[in-house]
Amino acid sequence: MKQKIALMAAFLHRPRVLILDEPLSGLDPKSARLVKEMLHKLALDGTTTIISTHVLEIAEAICDRIAILYEGVKIAEGSPGELKLLSESPNSTLEDVFLKLTGSEDVRELVEALVR
């Protein structure tokens, strides 16, 4: 409930710029959909929104432009499609792009070591 109240308070005055950290964290699916729709509507009305998230599916679904940070350094920036082309993975997910760009795409070895 705190997350919902904080988000609604942020949206209430129709800001020109929003900076959100993990805005969908802890929300049920209906509330998450509502927030995504609100962000889309605000974007259409000219609001700039900067979102920090570790859930790349969310970024891919709602962001027009994405900056990928790794170890505190921006390593890529562009639309989801541009990032996929940059990583030479046009049919992959943004998660695949991140893993390729950060050199950590093969996690199979780590998984196998953890399940032993």
PDB file of N, CA and C in Angstrom:
ATOM      1  N   MET A   1       0.814  -1.191   0.000  1.00  0.00           N
ATOM      2  CA  MET A   1       0.000   0.000   0.000  1.00  0.00           C
ATOM      3  C   MET A   1       0.866   1.268   0.000  1.00  0.00           C
ATOM      4  N   LYS A   2       2.005   1.206   0.698  1.00  0.00           N
ATOM      5  CA  LYS A   2       2.893   2.370   0.718  1.00  0.00           C
ATOM      6  C   LYS A   2       3.387   2.704  -0.683  1.00  0.00           C
ATOM      7  N   GLN A   3       3.701   1.661  -1.454  1.00  0.00           N
ATOM      8  CA  GLN A   3       4.174   1.867  -2.829  1.00  0.00           C
ATOM      9  C   GLN A   3       3.086   2.525  -3.671  1.00  0.00           C
ATOM     10  N   LYS A   4       1.864   2.052  -3.541  1.00  0.00           N
ATOM     11  CA  LYS A   4       0.749   2.620  -4.311  1.00  0.00           C
ATOM     12  C   LYS A   4       0.538   4.094  -3.954  1.00  0.00           C
ATOM     13  N   ILE A   5       0.555   4.396  -2.662  1.00  0.00           N
ATOM     14  CA  ILE A   5       0.343   5.768  -2.214  1.00  0.00           C
ATOM     15  C   ILE A   5       1.467   6.676  -2.712  1.00  0.00           C
ATOM     16  N   ALA A   6       2.705   6.199  -2.620  1.00  0.00           N
ATOM     17  CA  ALA A   6       3.846   7.001  -3.080  1.00  0.00           C
ATOM     18  C   ALA A   6       3.743   7.287  -4.579  1.00  0.00           C
ATOM     19  N   LEU A   7       3.353   6.295  -5.353  1.00  0.00           N
ATOM     20  CA  LEU A   7       3.232   6.493  -6.801  1.00  0.00           C
ATOM     21  C   LEU A   7       2.090   7.450  -7.141  1.00  0.00           C
ATOM     22  N   MET A   8       0.955   7.271  -6.506  1.00  0.00           N
ATOM     23  CA  MET A   8      -0.167   8.156  -6.780  1.00  0.00           C
ATOM     24  C   MET A   8       0.164   9.591  -6.369  1.00  0.00           C
ATOM     25  N   ALA A   9       0.889   9.754  -5.278  1.00  0.00           N
ATOM     26  CA  ALA A   9       1.308  11.104  -4.868  1.00  0.00           C
ATOM     27  C   ALA A   9       2.236  11.711  -5.915  1.00  0.00           C
ATOM     28  N   ALA A  10       3.096  10.884  -6.497  1.00  0.00           N
ATOM     29  CA  ALA A  10       4.007  11.376  -7.535  1.00  0.00           C
ATOM     30  C   ALA A  10       3.256  11.764  -8.799  1.00  0.00           C
ATOM     31  N   PHE A  11       2.221  11.014  -9.147  1.00  0.00           N
ATOM     32  CA  PHE A  11       1.456  11.284 -10.368  1.00  0.00           C
ATOM     33  C   PHE A  11       0.479  12.445 -10.195  1.00  0.00           C
ATOM     34  N   LEU A  12       0.026  12.680  -8.984  1.00  0.00           N
ATOM     35  CA  LEU A  12      -1.071  13.591  -8.693  1.00  0.00           C
ATOM     36  C   LEU A  12      -0.891  14.987  -9.280  1.00  0.00           C
ATOM     37  N   HIS A  13       0.285  15.547  -9.176  1.00  0.00           N
ATOM     38  CA  HIS A  13       0.486  16.921  -9.640  1.00  0.00           C
ATOM     39  C   HIS A  13       0.986  17.006 -11.086  1.00  0.00           C
ATOM     40  N   ARG A  14       0.908  15.889 -11.805  1.00  0.00           N
ATOM     41  CA  ARG A  14       1.302  15.839 -13.224  1.00  0.00           C
ATOM     42  C   ARG A  14       2.670  16.483 -13.458  1.00  0.00           C
ATOM     43  N   PRO A  15       3.719  15.883 -12.901  1.00  0.00           N
ATOM     44  CA  PRO A  15       5.059  16.478 -13.013  1.00  0.00           C
ATOM     45  C   PRO A  15       5.581  16.433 -14.446  1.00  0.00           C
ATOM     46  N   ARG A  16       6.514  17.311 -14.730  1.00  0.00           N
ATOM     47  CA  ARG A  16       7.162  17.303 -16.055  1.00  0.00           C
ATOM     48  C   ARG A  16       8.263  16.255 -16.101  1.00  0.00           C
ATOM     49  N   VAL A  17       8.829  15.936 -14.927  1.00  0.00           N
ATOM     50  CA  VAL A  17       9.881  14.925 -14.821  1.00  0.00           C
ATOM     51  C   VAL A  17       9.584  14.042 -13.612  1.00  0.00           C
ATOM     52  N   LEU A  18       9.677  12.722 -13.816  1.00  0.00           N
ATOM     53  CA  LEU A  18       9.527  11.741 -12.740  1.00  0.00           C
ATOM     54  C   LEU A  18      10.796  10.907 -12.676  1.00  0.00           C
ATOM     55  N   ILE A  19      11.296  10.675 -11.482  1.00  0.00           N
ATOM     56  CA  ILE A  19      12.423   9.767 -11.298  1.00  0.00           C
ATOM     57  C   ILE A  19      11.943   8.675 -10.351  1.00  0.00           C
ATOM     58  N   LEU A  20      11.884   7.451 -10.850  1.00  0.00           N
ATOM     59  CA  LEU A  20      11.319   6.337 -10.087  1.00  0.00           C
ATOM     60  C   LEU A  20      12.327   5.207  -9.950  1.00  0.00           C
ATOM     61  N   ASP A  21      12.427   4.663  -8.749  1.00  0.00           N
ATOM     62  CA  ASP A  21      13.304   3.530  -8.481  1.00  0.00           C
ATOM     63  C   ASP A  21      12.433   2.302  -8.237  1.00  0.00           C
ATOM     64  N   GLU A  22      12.529   1.327  -9.124  1.00  0.00           N
ATOM     65  CA  GLU A  22      11.751   0.089  -9.035  1.00  0.00           C
ATOM     66  C   GLU A  22      10.265   0.378  -8.763  1.00  0.00           C
ATOM     67  N   PRO A  23       9.603   1.116  -9.658  1.00  0.00           N
ATOM     68  CA  PRO A  23       8.233   1.555  -9.377  1.00  0.00           C
ATOM     69  C   PRO A  23       7.200   0.437  -9.287  1.00  0.00           C
ATOM     70  N   LEU A  24       7.462  -0.725  -9.866  1.00  0.00           N
ATOM     71  CA  LEU A  24       6.471  -1.802  -9.837  1.00  0.00           C
ATOM     72  C   LEU A  24       6.745  -2.829  -8.742  1.00  0.00           C
ATOM     73  N   SER A  25       7.796  -2.604  -7.984  1.00  0.00           N
ATOM     74  CA  SER A  25       8.164  -3.530  -6.917  1.00  0.00           C
ATOM     75  C   SER A  25       7.056  -3.627  -5.874  1.00  0.00           C
ATOM     76  N   GLY A  26       6.642  -4.841  -5.575  1.00  0.00           N
ATOM     77  CA  GLY A  26       5.644  -5.062  -4.538  1.00  0.00           C
ATOM     78  C   GLY A  26       4.213  -4.826  -4.959  1.00  0.00           C
ATOM     79  N   LEU A  27       3.985  -4.525  -6.227  1.00  0.00           N
ATOM     80  CA  LEU A  27       2.618  -4.278  -6.688  1.00  0.00           C
ATOM     81  C   LEU A  27       1.990  -5.558  -7.230  1.00  0.00           C
ATOM     82  N   ASP A  28       0.699  -5.701  -7.017  1.00  0.00           N
ATOM     83  CA  ASP A  28      -0.033  -6.811  -7.615  1.00  0.00           C
ATOM     84  C   ASP A  28      -0.175  -6.538  -9.114  1.00  0.00           C
ATOM     85  N   PRO A  29      -0.501  -7.556  -9.922  1.00  0.00           N
ATOM     86  CA  PRO A  29      -0.578  -7.371 -11.382  1.00  0.00           C
ATOM     87  C   PRO A  29      -1.510  -6.246 -11.830  1.00  0.00           C
ATOM     88  N   LYS A  30      -2.654  -6.099 -11.178  1.00  0.00           N
ATOM     89  CA  LYS A  30      -3.596  -5.048 -11.577  1.00  0.00           C
ATOM     90  C   LYS A  30      -3.001  -3.662 -11.322  1.00  0.00           C
ATOM     91  N   SER A  31      -2.391  -3.484 -10.159  1.00  0.00           N
ATOM     92  CA  SER A  31      -1.781  -2.191  -9.832  1.00  0.00           C
ATOM     93  C   SER A  31      -0.588  -1.910 -10.734  1.00  0.00           C
ATOM     94  N   ALA A  32       0.202  -2.944 -11.037  1.00  0.00           N
ATOM     95  CA  ALA A  32       1.346  -2.763 -11.930  1.00  0.00           C
ATOM     96  C   ALA A  32       0.878  -2.319 -13.309  1.00  0.00           C
ATOM     97  N   ARG A  33      -0.206  -2.905 -13.800  1.00  0.00           N
ATOM     98  CA  ARG A  33      -0.759  -2.514 -15.106  1.00  0.00           C
ATOM     99  C   ARG A  33      -1.227  -1.066 -15.056  1.00  0.00           C
ATOM    100  N   LEU A  34      -1.879  -0.684 -13.978  1.00  0.00           N
ATOM    101  CA  LEU A  34      -2.348   0.690 -13.820  1.00  0.00           C
ATOM    102  C   LEU A  34      -1.176   1.668 -13.852  1.00  0.00           C
ATOM    103  N   VAL A  35      -0.113   1.345 -13.146  1.00  0.00           N
ATOM    104  CA  VAL A  35       1.067   2.222 -13.123  1.00  0.00           C
ATOM    105  C   VAL A  35       1.677   2.324 -14.517  1.00  0.00           C
ATOM    106  N   LYS A  36       1.803   1.202 -15.214  1.00  0.00           N
ATOM    107  CA  LYS A  36       2.359   1.235 -16.579  1.00  0.00           C
ATOM    108  C   LYS A  36       1.500   2.088 -17.497  1.00  0.00           C
ATOM    109  N   GLU A  37       0.179   1.966 -17.374  1.00  0.00           N
ATOM    110  CA  GLU A  37      -0.727   2.785 -18.194  1.00  0.00           C
ATOM    111  C   GLU A  37      -0.589   4.273 -17.841  1.00  0.00           C
ATOM    112  N   MET A  38      -0.457   4.565 -16.559  1.00  0.00           N
ATOM    113  CA  MET A  38      -0.265   5.962 -16.128  1.00  0.00           C
ATOM    114  C   MET A  38       1.045   6.519 -16.690  1.00  0.00           C
ATOM    115  N   LEU A  39       2.114   5.738 -16.614  1.00  0.00           N
ATOM    116  CA  LEU A  39       3.403   6.186 -17.151  1.00  0.00           C
ATOM    117  C   LEU A  39       3.313   6.439 -18.650  1.00  0.00           C
ATOM    118  N   HIS A  40       2.616   5.559 -19.353  1.00  0.00           N
ATOM    119  CA  HIS A  40       2.439   5.733 -20.802  1.00  0.00           C
ATOM    120  C   HIS A  40       1.647   7.004 -21.100  1.00  0.00           C
ATOM    121  N   LYS A  41       0.565   7.227 -20.356  1.00  0.00           N
ATOM    122  CA  LYS A  41      -0.266   8.429 -20.555  1.00  0.00           C
ATOM    123  C   LYS A  41       0.537   9.690 -20.246  1.00  0.00           C
ATOM    124  N   LEU A  42       1.293   9.667 -19.151  1.00  0.00           N
ATOM    125  CA  LEU A  42       2.118  10.828 -18.813  1.00  0.00           C
ATOM    126  C   LEU A  42       3.161  11.096 -19.897  1.00  0.00           C
ATOM    127  N   ALA A  43       3.739  10.035 -20.452  1.00  0.00           N
ATOM    128  CA  ALA A  43       4.725  10.196 -21.526  1.00  0.00           C
ATOM    129  C   ALA A  43       4.087  10.846 -22.751  1.00  0.00           C
ATOM    130  N   LEU A  44       2.876  10.416 -23.090  1.00  0.00           N
ATOM    131  CA  LEU A  44       2.164  11.014 -24.222  1.00  0.00           C
ATOM    132  C   LEU A  44       1.872  12.493 -23.980  1.00  0.00           C
ATOM    133  N   ASP A  45       1.704  12.851 -22.714  1.00  0.00           N
ATOM    134  CA  ASP A  45       1.433  14.248 -22.353  1.00  0.00           C
ATOM    135  C   ASP A  45       2.716  15.059 -22.178  1.00  0.00           C
ATOM    136  N   GLY A  46       3.880  14.431 -22.402  1.00  0.00           N
ATOM    137  CA  GLY A  46       5.139  15.165 -22.360  1.00  0.00           C
ATOM    138  C   GLY A  46       5.987  14.992 -21.110  1.00  0.00           C
ATOM    139  N   THR A  47       5.573  14.143 -20.194  1.00  0.00           N
ATOM    140  CA  THR A  47       6.356  13.916 -18.980  1.00  0.00           C
ATOM    141  C   THR A  47       7.555  13.021 -19.295  1.00  0.00           C
ATOM    142  N   THR A  48       8.709  13.439 -18.835  1.00  0.00           N
ATOM    143  CA  THR A  48       9.913  12.617 -18.944  1.00  0.00           C
ATOM    144  C   THR A  48      10.009  11.769 -17.686  1.00  0.00           C
ATOM    145  N   THR A  49      10.182  10.466 -17.859  1.00  0.00           N
ATOM    146  CA  THR A  49      10.284   9.567 -16.717  1.00  0.00           C
ATOM    147  C   THR A  49      11.597   8.804 -16.795  1.00  0.00           C
ATOM    148  N   ILE A  50      12.320   8.825 -15.701  1.00  0.00           N
ATOM    149  CA  ILE A  50      13.557   8.049 -15.579  1.00  0.00           C
ATOM    150  C   ILE A  50      13.267   6.945 -14.570  1.00  0.00           C
ATOM    151  N   ILE A  51      13.472   5.708 -15.005  1.00  0.00           N
ATOM    152  CA  ILE A  51      13.166   4.552 -14.164  1.00  0.00           C
ATOM    153  C   ILE A  51      14.436   3.736 -13.949  1.00  0.00           C
ATOM    154  N   SER A  52      14.682   3.392 -12.716  1.00  0.00           N
ATOM    155  CA  SER A  52      15.755   2.464 -12.384  1.00  0.00           C
ATOM    156  C   SER A  52      15.107   1.117 -12.086  1.00  0.00           C
ATOM    157  N   THR A  53      15.561   0.071 -12.755  1.00  0.00           N
ATOM    158  CA  THR A  53      14.994  -1.252 -12.504  1.00  0.00           C
ATOM    159  C   THR A  53      16.007  -2.333 -12.832  1.00  0.00           C
ATOM    160  N   HIS A  54      15.892  -3.431 -12.112  1.00  0.00           N
ATOM    161  CA  HIS A  54      16.692  -4.617 -12.408  1.00  0.00           C
ATOM    162  C   HIS A  54      15.880  -5.618 -13.223  1.00  0.00           C
ATOM    163  N   VAL A  55      14.597  -5.343 -13.370  1.00  0.00           N
ATOM    164  CA  VAL A  55      13.714  -6.235 -14.122  1.00  0.00           C
ATOM    165  C   VAL A  55      13.665  -5.725 -15.561  1.00  0.00           C
ATOM    166  N   LEU A  56      14.480  -6.333 -16.401  1.00  0.00           N
ATOM    167  CA  LEU A  56      14.659  -5.820 -17.754  1.00  0.00           C
ATOM    168  C   LEU A  56      13.423  -5.986 -18.628  1.00  0.00           C
ATOM    169  N   GLU A  57      12.565  -6.935 -18.301  1.00  0.00           N
ATOM    170  CA  GLU A  57      11.317  -7.081 -19.052  1.00  0.00           C
ATOM    171  C   GLU A  57      10.447  -5.837 -18.878  1.00  0.00           C
ATOM    172  N   ILE A  58      10.487  -5.251 -17.692  1.00  0.00           N
ATOM    173  CA  ILE A  58       9.729  -4.022 -17.440  1.00  0.00           C
ATOM    174  C   ILE A  58      10.296  -2.889 -18.280  1.00  0.00           C
ATOM    175  N   ALA A  59      11.607  -2.736 -18.265  1.00  0.00           N
ATOM    176  CA  ALA A  59      12.241  -1.679 -19.056  1.00  0.00           C
ATOM    177  C   ALA A  59      11.923  -1.846 -20.535  1.00  0.00           C
ATOM    178  N   GLU A  60      12.014  -3.074 -21.010  1.00  0.00           N
ATOM    179  CA  GLU A  60      11.749  -3.344 -22.427  1.00  0.00           C
ATOM    180  C   GLU A  60      10.302  -3.023 -22.790  1.00  0.00           C
ATOM    181  N   ALA A  61       9.383  -3.280 -21.870  1.00  0.00           N
ATOM    182  CA  ALA A  61       7.960  -3.082 -22.153  1.00  0.00           C
ATOM    183  C   ALA A  61       7.526  -1.624 -22.090  1.00  0.00           C
ATOM    184  N   ILE A  62       8.150  -0.816 -21.221  1.00  0.00           N
ATOM    185  CA  ILE A  62       7.600   0.525 -21.032  1.00  0.00           C
ATOM    186  C   ILE A  62       8.538   1.669 -21.396  1.00  0.00           C
ATOM    187  N   CYS A  63       9.774   1.388 -21.723  1.00  0.00           N
ATOM    188  CA  CYS A  63      10.726   2.480 -21.971  1.00  0.00           C
ATOM    189  C   CYS A  63      10.991   2.690 -23.455  1.00  0.00           C
ATOM    190  N   ASP A  64      11.066   3.954 -23.861  1.00  0.00           N
ATOM    191  CA  ASP A  64      11.424   4.303 -25.232  1.00  0.00           C
ATOM    192  C   ASP A  64      12.933   4.259 -25.430  1.00  0.00           C
ATOM    193  N   ARG A  65      13.664   4.670 -24.398  1.00  0.00           N
ATOM    194  CA  ARG A  65      15.130   4.679 -24.439  1.00  0.00           C
ATOM    195  C   ARG A  65      15.638   4.030 -23.167  1.00  0.00           C
ATOM    196  N   ILE A  66      16.731   3.302 -23.297  1.00  0.00           N
ATOM    197  CA  ILE A  66      17.288   2.563 -22.177  1.00  0.00           C
ATOM    198  C   ILE A  66      18.790   2.796 -22.125  1.00  0.00           C
ATOM    199  N   ALA A  67      19.284   3.020 -20.931  1.00  0.00           N
ATOM    200  CA  ALA A  67      20.734   3.077 -20.715  1.00  0.00           C
ATOM    201  C   ALA A  67      21.089   1.860 -19.876  1.00  0.00           C
ATOM    202  N   ILE A  68      22.082   1.120 -20.316  1.00  0.00           N
ATOM    203  CA  ILE A  68      22.546  -0.049 -19.574  1.00  0.00           C
ATOM    204  C   ILE A  68      23.790   0.355 -18.796  1.00  0.00           C
ATOM    205  N   LEU A  69      23.699   0.193 -17.480  1.00  0.00           N
ATOM    206  CA  LEU A  69      24.823   0.494 -16.604  1.00  0.00           C
ATOM    207  C   LEU A  69      25.428  -0.814 -16.115  1.00  0.00           C
ATOM    208  N   TYR A  70      26.742  -0.844 -16.058  1.00  0.00           N
ATOM    209  CA  TYR A  70      27.438  -2.025 -15.553  1.00  0.00           C
ATOM    210  C   TYR A  70      28.627  -1.552 -14.734  1.00  0.00           C
ATOM    211  N   GLU A  71      28.644  -1.953 -13.480  1.00  0.00           N
ATOM    212  CA  GLU A  71      29.694  -1.543 -12.546  1.00  0.00           C
ATOM    213  C   GLU A  71      29.830  -0.015 -12.499  1.00  0.00           C
ATOM    214  N   GLY A  72      28.665   0.664 -12.521  1.00  0.00           N
ATOM    215  CA  GLY A  72      28.639   2.118 -12.390  1.00  0.00           C
ATOM    216  C   GLY A  72      28.957   2.895 -13.651  1.00  0.00           C
ATOM    217  N   VAL A  73      29.111   2.206 -14.776  1.00  0.00           N
ATOM    218  CA  VAL A  73      29.468   2.865 -16.029  1.00  0.00           C
ATOM    219  C   VAL A  73      28.394   2.577 -17.081  1.00  0.00           C
ATOM    220  N   LYS A  74      27.978   3.615 -17.801  1.00  0.00           N
ATOM    221  CA  LYS A  74      27.023   3.417 -18.897  1.00  0.00           C
ATOM    222  C   LYS A  74      27.755   2.744 -20.045  1.00  0.00           C
ATOM    223  N   ILE A  75      27.294   1.550 -20.427  1.00  0.00           N
ATOM    224  CA  ILE A  75      27.966   0.820 -21.505  1.00  0.00           C
ATOM    225  C   ILE A  75      27.171   0.832 -22.806  1.00  0.00           C
ATOM    226  N   ALA A  76      25.897   1.215 -22.747  1.00  0.00           N
ATOM    227  CA  ALA A  76      25.089   1.285 -23.966  1.00  0.00           C
ATOM    228  C   ALA A  76      23.851   2.123 -23.693  1.00  0.00           C
ATOM    229  N   GLU A  77      23.340   2.716 -24.771  1.00  0.00           N
ATOM    230  CA  GLU A  77      22.120   3.514 -24.667  1.00  0.00           C
ATOM    231  C   GLU A  77      21.407   3.490 -26.005  1.00  0.00           C
ATOM    232  N   GLY A  78      20.082   3.420 -25.948  1.00  0.00           N
ATOM    233  CA  GLY A  78      19.287   3.456 -27.164  1.00  0.00           C
ATOM    234  C   GLY A  78      17.910   2.876 -26.927  1.00  0.00           C
ATOM    235  N   SER A  79      17.154   2.744 -27.992  1.00  0.00           N
ATOM    236  CA  SER A  79      15.842   2.100 -27.895  1.00  0.00           C
ATOM    237  C   SER A  79      16.086   0.607 -27.690  1.00  0.00           C
ATOM    238  N   PRO A  80      15.076  -0.140 -27.243  1.00  0.00           N
ATOM    239  CA  PRO A  80      15.278  -1.585 -27.115  1.00  0.00           C
ATOM    240  C   PRO A  80      15.755  -2.214 -28.427  1.00  0.00           C
ATOM    241  N   GLY A  81      15.182  -1.787 -29.536  1.00  0.00           N
ATOM    242  CA  GLY A  81      15.602  -2.321 -30.839  1.00  0.00           C
ATOM    243  C   GLY A  81      17.038  -1.980 -31.180  1.00  0.00           C
ATOM    244  N   GLU A  82      17.442  -0.729 -30.899  1.00  0.00           N
ATOM    245  CA  GLU A  82      18.825  -0.318 -31.162  1.00  0.00           C
ATOM    246  C   GLU A  82      19.810  -1.115 -30.311  1.00  0.00           C
ATOM    247  N   LEU A  83      19.445  -1.361 -29.064  1.00  0.00           N
ATOM    248  CA  LEU A  83      20.338  -2.132 -28.192  1.00  0.00           C
ATOM    249  C   LEU A  83      20.472  -3.571 -28.673  1.00  0.00           C
ATOM    250  N   LYS A  84      19.394  -4.125 -29.174  1.00  0.00           N
ATOM    251  CA  LYS A  84      19.446  -5.491 -29.703  1.00  0.00           C
ATOM    252  C   LYS A  84      20.350  -5.554 -30.926  1.00  0.00           C
ATOM    253  N   LEU A  85      20.254  -4.546 -31.798  1.00  0.00           N
ATOM    254  CA  LEU A  85      21.132  -4.505 -32.967  1.00  0.00           C
ATOM    255  C   LEU A  85      22.585  -4.287 -32.561  1.00  0.00           C
ATOM    256  N   LEU A  86      22.807  -3.420 -31.583  1.00  0.00           N
ATOM    257  CA  LEU A  86      24.153  -3.146 -31.087  1.00  0.00           C
ATOM    258  C   LEU A  86      24.823  -4.413 -30.568  1.00  0.00           C
ATOM    259  N   SER A  87      24.051  -5.237 -29.908  1.00  0.00           N
ATOM    260  CA  SER A  87      24.607  -6.467 -29.350  1.00  0.00           C
ATOM    261  C   SER A  87      24.578  -7.618 -30.353  1.00  0.00           C
ATOM    262  N   GLU A  88      24.161  -7.296 -31.580  1.00  0.00           N
ATOM    263  CA  GLU A  88      24.059  -8.286 -32.650  1.00  0.00           C
ATOM    264  C   GLU A  88      23.120  -9.427 -32.281  1.00  0.00           C
ATOM    265  N   SER A  89      22.047  -9.072 -31.559  1.00  0.00           N
ATOM    266  CA  SER A  89      21.041 -10.043 -31.128  1.00  0.00           C
ATOM    267  C   SER A  89      19.649  -9.484 -31.377  1.00  0.00           C
ATOM    268  N   PRO A  90      19.266  -9.240 -32.660  1.00  0.00           N
ATOM    269  CA  PRO A  90      18.007  -8.548 -32.939  1.00  0.00           C
ATOM    270  C   PRO A  90      16.750  -9.282 -32.475  1.00  0.00           C
ATOM    271  N   ASN A  91      16.814 -10.585 -32.271  1.00  0.00           N
ATOM    272  CA  ASN A  91      15.627 -11.337 -31.867  1.00  0.00           C
ATOM    273  C   ASN A  91      15.663 -11.760 -30.401  1.00  0.00           C
ATOM    274  N   SER A  92      16.547 -11.172 -29.636  1.00  0.00           N
ATOM    275  CA  SER A  92      16.697 -11.578 -28.242  1.00  0.00           C
ATOM    276  C   SER A  92      15.932 -10.648 -27.311  1.00  0.00           C
ATOM    277  N   THR A  93      15.953 -10.977 -26.036  1.00  0.00           N
ATOM    278  CA  THR A  93      15.331 -10.120 -25.025  1.00  0.00           C
ATOM    279  C   THR A  93      16.359  -9.099 -24.549  1.00  0.00           C
ATOM    280  N   LEU A  94      15.889  -8.093 -23.847  1.00  0.00           N
ATOM    281  CA  LEU A  94      16.795  -7.102 -23.290  1.00  0.00           C
ATOM    282  C   LEU A  94      17.723  -7.747 -22.247  1.00  0.00           C
ATOM    283  N   GLU A  95      17.220  -8.744 -21.549  1.00  0.00           N
ATOM    284  CA  GLU A  95      18.063  -9.475 -20.597  1.00  0.00           C
ATOM    285  C   GLU A  95      19.229 -10.141 -21.324  1.00  0.00           C
ATOM    286  N   ASP A  96      18.954 -10.764 -22.476  1.00  0.00           N
ATOM    287  CA  ASP A  96      20.014 -11.381 -23.275  1.00  0.00           C
ATOM    288  C   ASP A  96      21.036 -10.335 -23.720  1.00  0.00           C
ATOM    289  N   VAL A  97      20.538  -9.168 -24.128  1.00  0.00           N
ATOM    290  CA  VAL A  97      21.411  -8.074 -24.558  1.00  0.00           C
ATOM    291  C   VAL A  97      22.317  -7.649 -23.408  1.00  0.00           C
ATOM    292  N   PHE A  98      21.736  -7.449 -22.217  1.00  0.00           N
ATOM    293  CA  PHE A  98      22.524  -7.051 -21.053  1.00  0.00           C
ATOM    294  C   PHE A  98      23.608  -8.081 -20.761  1.00  0.00           C
ATOM    295  N   LEU A  99      23.233  -9.342 -20.747  1.00  0.00           N
ATOM    296  CA  LEU A  99      24.201 -10.390 -20.436  1.00  0.00           C
ATOM    297  C   LEU A  99      25.320 -10.450 -21.480  1.00  0.00           C
ATOM    298  N   LYS A 100      24.969 -10.245 -22.740  1.00  0.00           N
ATOM    299  CA  LYS A 100      25.994 -10.253 -23.786  1.00  0.00           C
ATOM    300  C   LYS A 100      26.922  -9.045 -23.660  1.00  0.00           C
ATOM    301  N   LEU A 101      26.350  -7.863 -23.455  1.00  0.00           N
ATOM    302  CA  LEU A 101      27.163  -6.648 -23.367  1.00  0.00           C
ATOM    303  C   LEU A 101      28.063  -6.624 -22.135  1.00  0.00           C
ATOM    304  N   THR A 102      27.652  -7.307 -21.078  1.00  0.00           N
ATOM    305  CA  THR A 102      28.455  -7.329 -19.855  1.00  0.00           C
ATOM    306  C   THR A 102      29.378  -8.534 -19.786  1.00  0.00           C
ATOM    307  N   GLY A 103      29.343  -9.363 -20.828  1.00  0.00           N
ATOM    308  CA  GLY A 103      30.231 -10.515 -20.854  1.00  0.00           C
ATOM    309  C   GLY A 103      29.844 -11.608 -19.882  1.00  0.00           C
ATOM    310  N   SER A 104      28.603 -11.623 -19.486  1.00  0.00           N
ATOM    311  CA  SER A 104      28.159 -12.641 -18.532  1.00  0.00           C
ATOM    312  C   SER A 104      27.003 -13.461 -19.096  1.00  0.00           C
ATOM    313  N   GLU A 105      27.040 -13.669 -20.414  1.00  0.00           N
ATOM    314  CA  GLU A 105      25.919 -14.346 -21.061  1.00  0.00           C
ATOM    315  C   GLU A 105      25.848 -15.830 -20.775  1.00  0.00           C
ATOM    316  N   ASP A 106      26.974 -16.471 -20.480  1.00  0.00           N
ATOM    317  CA  ASP A 106      26.943 -17.906 -20.231  1.00  0.00           C
ATOM    318  C   ASP A 106      26.937 -18.165 -18.730  1.00  0.00           C
ATOM    319  N   VAL A 107      25.733 -18.274 -18.195  1.00  0.00           N
ATOM    320  CA  VAL A 107      25.599 -18.511 -16.762  1.00  0.00           C
ATOM    321  C   VAL A 107      25.391 -19.997 -16.459  1.00  0.00           C
ATOM    322  N   ARG A 108      25.375 -20.812 -17.511  1.00  0.00           N
ATOM    323  CA  ARG A 108      25.149 -22.248 -17.341  1.00  0.00           C
ATOM    324  C   ARG A 108      26.156 -22.880 -16.382  1.00  0.00           C
ATOM    325  N   GLU A 109      27.424 -22.506 -16.549  1.00  0.00           N
ATOM    326  CA  GLU A 109      28.477 -23.066 -15.708  1.00  0.00           C
ATOM    327  C   GLU A 109      28.246 -22.720 -14.240  1.00  0.00           C
ATOM    328  N   LEU A 110      27.839 -21.496 -13.973  1.00  0.00           N
ATOM    329  CA  LEU A 110      27.565 -21.066 -12.608  1.00  0.00           C
ATOM    330  C   LEU A 110      26.380 -21.832 -12.027  1.00  0.00           C
ATOM    331  N   VAL A 111      25.317 -21.988 -12.810  1.00  0.00           N
ATOM    332  CA  VAL A 111      24.128 -22.722 -12.351  1.00  0.00           C
ATOM    333  C   VAL A 111      24.499 -24.155 -12.009  1.00  0.00           C
ATOM    334  N   GLU A 112      25.286 -24.776 -12.875  1.00  0.00           N
ATOM    335  CA  GLU A 112      25.676 -26.172 -12.625  1.00  0.00           C
ATOM    336  C   GLU A 112      26.494 -26.287 -11.335  1.00  0.00           C
ATOM    337  N   ALA A 113      27.370 -25.329 -11.096  1.00  0.00           N
ATOM    338  CA  ALA A 113      28.175 -25.357  -9.864  1.00  0.00           C
ATOM    339  C   ALA A 113      27.299 -25.161  -8.630  1.00  0.00           C
ATOM    340  N   LEU A 114      26.271 -24.322  -8.744  1.00  0.00           N
ATOM    341  CA  LEU A 114      25.400 -24.056  -7.601  1.00  0.00           C
ATOM    342  C   LEU A 114      24.486 -25.225  -7.259  1.00  0.00           C
ATOM    343  N   VAL A 115      24.086 -26.008  -8.245  1.00  0.00           N
ATOM    344  CA  VAL A 115      23.167 -27.119  -7.974  1.00  0.00           C
ATOM    345  C   VAL A 115      23.883 -28.407  -7.602  1.00  0.00           C
ATOM    346  N   ARG A 116      25.190 -28.417  -7.625  1.00  0.00           N
ATOM    347  CA  ARG A 116      25.930 -29.631  -7.223  1.00  0.00           C
ATOM    348  C   ARG A 116      25.881 -29.832  -5.764  1.00  0.00           C
TER     349      ARG A 116
END
